[in-house]
Protein backbone atom coordinates (compact mmCIF):
# COMPACT_ATOMS: atom_id res chain seq x y z
CA MET A 1 13.14 17.63 -4.73
CA ARG A 2 11.54 17.88 -1.30
CA VAL A 3 9.20 14.96 -0.54
CA LEU A 4 6.80 14.61 2.37
CA VAL A 5 5.88 11.01 3.22
CA VAL A 6 2.70 11.02 5.30
CA GLY A 7 2.77 7.76 7.24
CA GLY A 8 6.54 7.53 7.12
CA SER A 9 6.72 5.26 10.15
CA GLY A 10 4.69 2.50 8.49
CA PHE A 11 6.18 -0.52 6.73
CA LEU A 12 5.85 0.97 3.24
CA GLY A 13 6.38 4.54 4.40
CA ARG A 14 9.77 3.74 5.92
CA GLU A 15 10.91 2.05 2.72
CA ILE A 16 9.81 5.01 0.62
CA CYS A 17 11.74 7.30 2.98
CA ARG A 18 14.87 5.14 2.79
CA ARG A 19 14.87 4.95 -0.98
CA ALA A 20 14.03 8.63 -1.39
CA VAL A 21 17.04 9.55 0.75
CA ARG A 22 19.24 7.29 -1.38
CA ALA A 23 17.92 9.02 -4.49
CA GLY A 24 19.10 12.36 -3.10
CA PHE A 25 15.72 13.81 -2.17
CA SER A 26 15.12 16.02 0.83
CA VAL A 27 12.72 13.84 2.83
CA VAL A 28 10.28 14.59 5.63
CA GLY A 29 8.41 11.67 7.16
CA THR A 30 5.45 11.90 9.51
CA PHE A 31 4.58 9.57 12.35
CA HIS A 32 1.77 9.28 14.87
CA SER A 33 2.82 6.75 17.51
CA ALA A 34 6.24 5.47 16.37
CA ASP A 35 9.25 7.34 15.04
CA VAL A 36 10.19 7.06 11.38
CA ALA A 37 13.75 6.12 12.44
CA VAL A 38 15.30 6.43 8.98
CA PRO A 39 18.69 8.19 8.76
CA GLY A 40 18.51 11.39 6.76
CA VAL A 41 14.75 11.86 7.24
CA GLU A 42 13.29 14.85 9.07
CA GLU A 43 10.60 13.55 11.43
CA ARG A 44 7.33 15.29 12.16
CA ARG A 45 4.54 14.04 14.41
CA LEU A 46 1.13 14.23 12.75
CA ASP A 47 -2.44 13.11 13.38
CA VAL A 48 -3.99 12.86 9.91
CA THR A 49 -7.49 13.04 11.37
CA ASP A 50 -6.75 16.65 12.39
CA ARG A 51 -7.36 18.61 9.19
CA SER A 52 -5.89 21.85 10.50
CA ALA A 53 -2.73 20.09 11.68
CA VAL A 54 -2.25 18.47 8.29
CA ARG A 55 -2.65 21.78 6.47
CA GLU A 56 -0.29 23.56 8.86
CA LEU A 57 2.40 20.90 8.53
CA VAL A 58 2.30 20.80 4.73
CA ALA A 59 2.39 24.59 4.56
CA ARG A 60 5.41 24.60 6.88
CA VAL A 61 7.31 21.81 5.08
CA ARG A 62 6.55 23.21 1.61
CA PRO A 63 7.12 19.93 -0.26
CA ASP A 64 7.35 19.52 -4.02
CA ALA A 65 5.55 16.19 -3.66
CA VAL A 66 3.47 14.40 -1.05
CA VAL A 67 3.16 10.62 -0.72
CA GLY A 68 0.13 9.54 1.29
CA THR A 69 0.45 6.08 2.91
CA PRO A 70 -1.42 6.28 6.23
CA TYR A 71 -4.19 3.83 7.05
CA ARG A 72 -5.54 2.02 10.06
CA TYR A 73 -7.67 -1.07 9.53
CA GLY A 74 -11.15 -0.45 10.87
CA ASP A 75 -10.56 3.28 11.34
CA TRP A 76 -12.50 5.37 8.81
CA ALA A 77 -11.17 8.66 10.17
CA VAL A 78 -7.56 7.70 9.42
CA THR A 79 -8.06 5.79 6.17
CA ALA A 80 -10.72 7.91 4.46
CA ASP A 81 -10.86 11.31 6.16
CA GLY A 82 -7.09 11.38 6.60
CA ALA A 83 -6.55 10.86 2.87
CA ALA A 84 -8.89 13.77 2.11
CA HIS A 85 -7.06 16.03 4.55
CA VAL A 86 -3.72 15.18 2.94
CA ALA A 87 -5.12 15.83 -0.53
CA VAL A 88 -6.50 19.24 0.46
CA ALA A 89 -3.19 20.27 2.02
CA ALA A 90 -1.13 19.03 -0.95
CA ALA A 91 -3.40 20.88 -3.39
CA GLU A 92 -3.11 24.11 -1.38
CA ALA A 93 0.68 23.78 -1.45
CA GLY A 94 0.74 23.02 -5.18
CA ALA A 95 2.50 19.71 -4.47
CA ARG A 96 2.39 16.59 -6.61
CA LEU A 97 0.33 13.94 -4.78
CA VAL A 98 0.77 10.17 -4.91
CA HIS A 99 -1.90 8.41 -2.86
CA VAL A 100 -1.39 4.74 -1.94
CA SER A 101 -4.62 2.77 -2.27
CA SER A 102 -5.42 -0.94 -2.10
CA ASP A 103 -6.93 -3.90 -3.93
CA ALA A 104 -9.24 -4.23 -0.90
CA LEU A 105 -11.68 -1.85 -2.61
CA HIS A 106 -12.60 -4.63 -5.08
CA ALA A 107 -15.13 -7.40 -4.39
CA GLY A 108 -13.26 -10.13 -6.27
CA ARG A 109 -14.05 -11.89 -9.56
CA PRO A 110 -12.57 -14.54 -11.90
CA THR A 111 -11.01 -11.98 -14.27
CA PRO A 112 -8.28 -9.43 -13.42
CA TYR A 113 -9.16 -5.85 -12.53
CA ALA A 114 -8.04 -3.05 -14.84
CA ASP A 115 -6.65 0.22 -13.50
CA ASP A 116 -9.87 2.14 -14.05
CA ASP A 117 -12.34 -0.44 -12.75
CA ALA A 118 -14.73 1.18 -10.29
CA PRO A 119 -14.48 0.14 -6.63
CA THR A 120 -16.91 -2.51 -5.40
CA PRO A 121 -16.06 -2.80 -1.69
CA MET A 122 -17.37 -5.69 0.40
CA ASN A 123 -16.31 -4.62 3.87
CA ALA A 124 -15.70 -1.50 5.92
CA TYR A 125 -11.97 -1.32 5.13
CA GLY A 126 -12.61 -1.60 1.39
CA ALA A 127 -15.28 1.08 1.65
CA ALA A 128 -12.86 3.37 3.48
CA LYS A 129 -10.20 2.89 0.79
CA ALA A 130 -12.80 3.54 -1.92
CA ALA A 131 -13.95 6.71 -0.15
CA ALA A 132 -10.34 7.84 0.15
CA GLU A 133 -9.86 7.48 -3.60
CA THR A 134 -13.09 9.35 -4.32
CA ALA A 135 -12.02 12.24 -2.11
CA VAL A 136 -8.51 12.42 -3.54
CA ARG A 137 -9.75 12.38 -7.15
CA ALA A 138 -12.31 15.10 -6.42
CA ILE A 139 -9.79 17.33 -4.65
CA ASP A 140 -6.83 16.75 -6.99
CA PRO A 141 -7.64 15.20 -10.39
CA GLY A 142 -3.93 15.20 -11.20
CA ALA A 143 -3.01 12.92 -8.30
CA ALA A 144 -1.72 9.39 -8.88
CA LEU A 145 -3.63 6.65 -7.06
CA VAL A 146 -1.55 3.52 -6.54
CA ARG A 147 -3.71 0.42 -6.17
CA THR A 148 -1.49 -2.25 -4.66
CA SER A 149 -1.80 -5.65 -3.00
CA LEU A 150 -0.16 -7.61 -0.16
CA ILE A 151 3.18 -5.97 0.64
CA LEU A 152 6.05 -8.37 1.32
CA GLY A 153 9.44 -7.99 2.95
CA GLU A 154 11.20 -8.87 6.17
CA GLY A 155 9.16 -7.41 8.99
CA SER A 156 5.94 -7.35 6.95
CA LYS A 157 2.59 -8.36 8.40
CA GLN A 158 2.23 -10.86 5.56
CA PHE A 159 5.39 -12.81 6.46
CA ALA A 160 4.40 -12.70 10.14
CA LEU A 161 0.96 -14.16 9.35
CA CYS A 162 2.50 -16.92 7.24
CA ARG A 163 4.90 -17.85 10.04
CA GLU A 164 2.03 -17.94 12.52
CA ALA A 165 0.06 -20.26 10.22
CA LEU A 166 3.09 -22.50 9.71
CA ALA A 167 3.34 -22.78 13.49
CA GLY A 168 -0.34 -23.71 13.70
CA ARG A 169 -1.34 -20.48 15.42
CA ALA A 170 -3.21 -18.88 12.49
CA VAL A 171 -5.07 -19.93 9.36
CA LEU A 172 -4.44 -19.03 5.71
CA PHE A 173 -7.25 -19.01 3.16
CA SER A 174 -6.88 -21.18 0.07
CA ASP A 175 -9.48 -19.19 -1.90
CA MET A 176 -8.18 -15.68 -1.16
CA ILE A 177 -6.02 -14.76 -4.16
CA ARG A 178 -3.85 -11.67 -4.40
CA CYS A 179 -0.80 -10.33 -6.29
CA PRO A 180 1.85 -9.80 -3.58
CA VAL A 181 4.48 -7.15 -4.21
CA ASP A 182 7.92 -6.60 -2.73
CA VAL A 183 8.11 -3.48 -0.56
CA THR A 184 11.24 -2.23 -2.34
CA ASP A 185 9.64 -2.61 -5.78
CA LEU A 186 6.55 -0.77 -4.61
CA ALA A 187 8.56 2.03 -3.00
CA ASP A 188 10.61 2.52 -6.17
CA ALA A 189 7.42 2.60 -8.26
CA VAL A 190 5.88 5.21 -5.97
CA LEU A 191 8.96 7.40 -6.23
CA GLU A 192 8.88 7.12 -10.02
CA LEU A 193 5.30 8.37 -9.93
CA VAL A 194 6.37 11.23 -7.67
CA GLY A 195 8.56 12.46 -10.51
CA GLY A 196 6.00 11.79 -13.23
CA ASP A 197 2.63 13.12 -14.30
CA HIS A 198 0.39 10.05 -14.28
CA ALA A 199 -3.07 10.91 -13.00
CA GLY A 200 -5.73 8.55 -11.67
CA PRO A 201 -5.64 4.90 -10.61
CA LEU A 202 -2.70 2.67 -11.48
CA ASN A 203 -2.40 -0.99 -10.50
CA VAL A 204 1.05 -1.56 -8.99
CA ALA A 205 1.40 -5.13 -7.73
CA GLY A 206 3.45 -8.27 -8.26
CA ALA A 207 3.39 -10.37 -11.41
CA ASP A 208 2.09 -13.56 -9.74
CA ALA A 209 -1.42 -14.23 -8.45
CA VAL A 210 -1.33 -16.67 -5.52
CA SER A 211 -3.61 -17.71 -2.71
CA ARG A 212 -2.67 -16.87 0.86
CA ALA A 213 -2.21 -20.61 1.45
CA GLU A 214 0.22 -20.85 -1.48
CA LEU A 215 2.05 -17.80 -0.15
CA GLY A 216 2.50 -19.66 3.13
CA LEU A 217 4.11 -22.59 1.32
CA LEU A 218 6.42 -20.25 -0.61
CA VAL A 219 7.46 -18.56 2.64
CA ALA A 220 8.14 -21.96 4.23
CA ARG A 221 10.35 -23.05 1.35
CA HIS A 222 12.21 -19.74 1.19
CA PHE A 223 13.01 -19.60 4.90
CA GLY A 224 13.52 -23.34 5.38
CA LEU A 225 10.48 -23.76 7.63
CA ASP A 226 8.47 -26.94 8.12
CA ALA A 227 5.22 -26.69 6.15
CA ALA A 228 3.64 -29.78 7.74
CA GLY A 229 1.81 -27.72 10.35
CA LEU A 230 0.40 -25.15 7.92
CA LYS A 231 -3.27 -24.50 8.73
CA THR A 232 -5.50 -23.61 5.77
CA THR A 233 -9.22 -23.29 5.09
CA THR A 234 -11.56 -21.33 2.85
CA SER A 235 -12.90 -17.91 3.70
CA ALA A 236 -16.46 -19.26 3.40
CA ALA A 237 -15.77 -22.08 5.86
CA ALA A 238 -14.30 -19.56 8.28
CA GLY A 239 -17.28 -17.24 7.89
CA GLN A 240 -14.98 -14.51 6.63
CA ALA A 241 -16.80 -11.79 4.68
CA GLY A 242 -14.61 -10.10 2.13
CA PRO A 243 -13.14 -10.27 -1.36
CA THR A 244 -11.66 -13.56 -2.52
CA ASP A 245 -10.10 -13.56 -6.02
CA VAL A 246 -8.63 -10.08 -6.58
CA ARG A 247 -6.05 -10.08 -9.36
CA LEU A 248 -4.70 -6.76 -10.61
CA ASP A 249 -3.77 -6.26 -14.25
CA CYS A 250 -0.53 -4.27 -14.01
CA GLY A 251 0.13 -4.00 -17.74
CA ARG A 252 -0.13 -0.23 -17.76
CA ALA A 253 2.35 0.11 -14.88
CA ALA A 254 4.77 -2.27 -16.63
CA GLY A 255 4.77 0.00 -19.67
CA LEU A 256 4.92 3.24 -17.69
CA LEU A 257 7.53 2.45 -15.03
CA ARG A 258 11.20 1.50 -15.16
CA THR A 259 10.77 -0.46 -11.93
CA ARG A 260 10.16 -4.16 -12.58
CA LEU A 261 7.37 -5.49 -10.41
CA ARG A 262 8.63 -8.95 -9.53
CA GLY A 263 6.32 -11.85 -8.85
CA VAL A 264 6.27 -13.60 -5.49
CA ARG A 265 7.65 -16.84 -6.95
CA GLU A 266 10.76 -14.98 -8.09
CA LEU A 267 11.03 -13.09 -4.81
CA LEU A 268 10.83 -16.27 -2.73
CA ALA A 269 12.71 -18.62 -5.09
């Protein structure tokens, strides 16, 4: 199978590329400002905001499947328009499409979100992710839309933020609850969906719901860091507008996928 990973130089994109190569796939990974740098991956520079360039690249690569991971926080053209451009190109090529979405498109509530719950974005990034999903579903109803959460692993933004907060240089919110997922688990799940026929949204996140503050404590314990300096507050006290309690019900993914989506407490035990 020939797989094109759009956004292959990102944290998740690189891991998908690595694991796809190990699985014996022919892999092409795109990048915009940084190389993919994964052995065995063909690299292609791509600006996803350029619709013609996206269509030309996909037509040239002729993939069996396309994985769309690109996003840029605060950049509608990349996150929303870029996803639409990728979907159009994949549909024209007759390629299976797996689009990586986010829990950021939900507003937050006391009960978990099901796979098919409609987006209720509270900020510009959430709105961009919601628009991306809308475009992808309209262009390719057979595409899989992976709704995931905070992505963990060495080199992740989440670990970096926790270390900054433990050093007193950043703040973690005690009321912002998510379901962190390991980058390798998520990459394996995405590749399973590449070879499957699931269509529509699918929650793919970790088994544990924790606050960002609790995540900081788990990171401290796992890496042997001093938690005494951990700075925490609430999003309301910080004047942060955005979703708070966003738990994803991943029951459908657990029944559909062979990949076990481990909880953060197991990952950082």
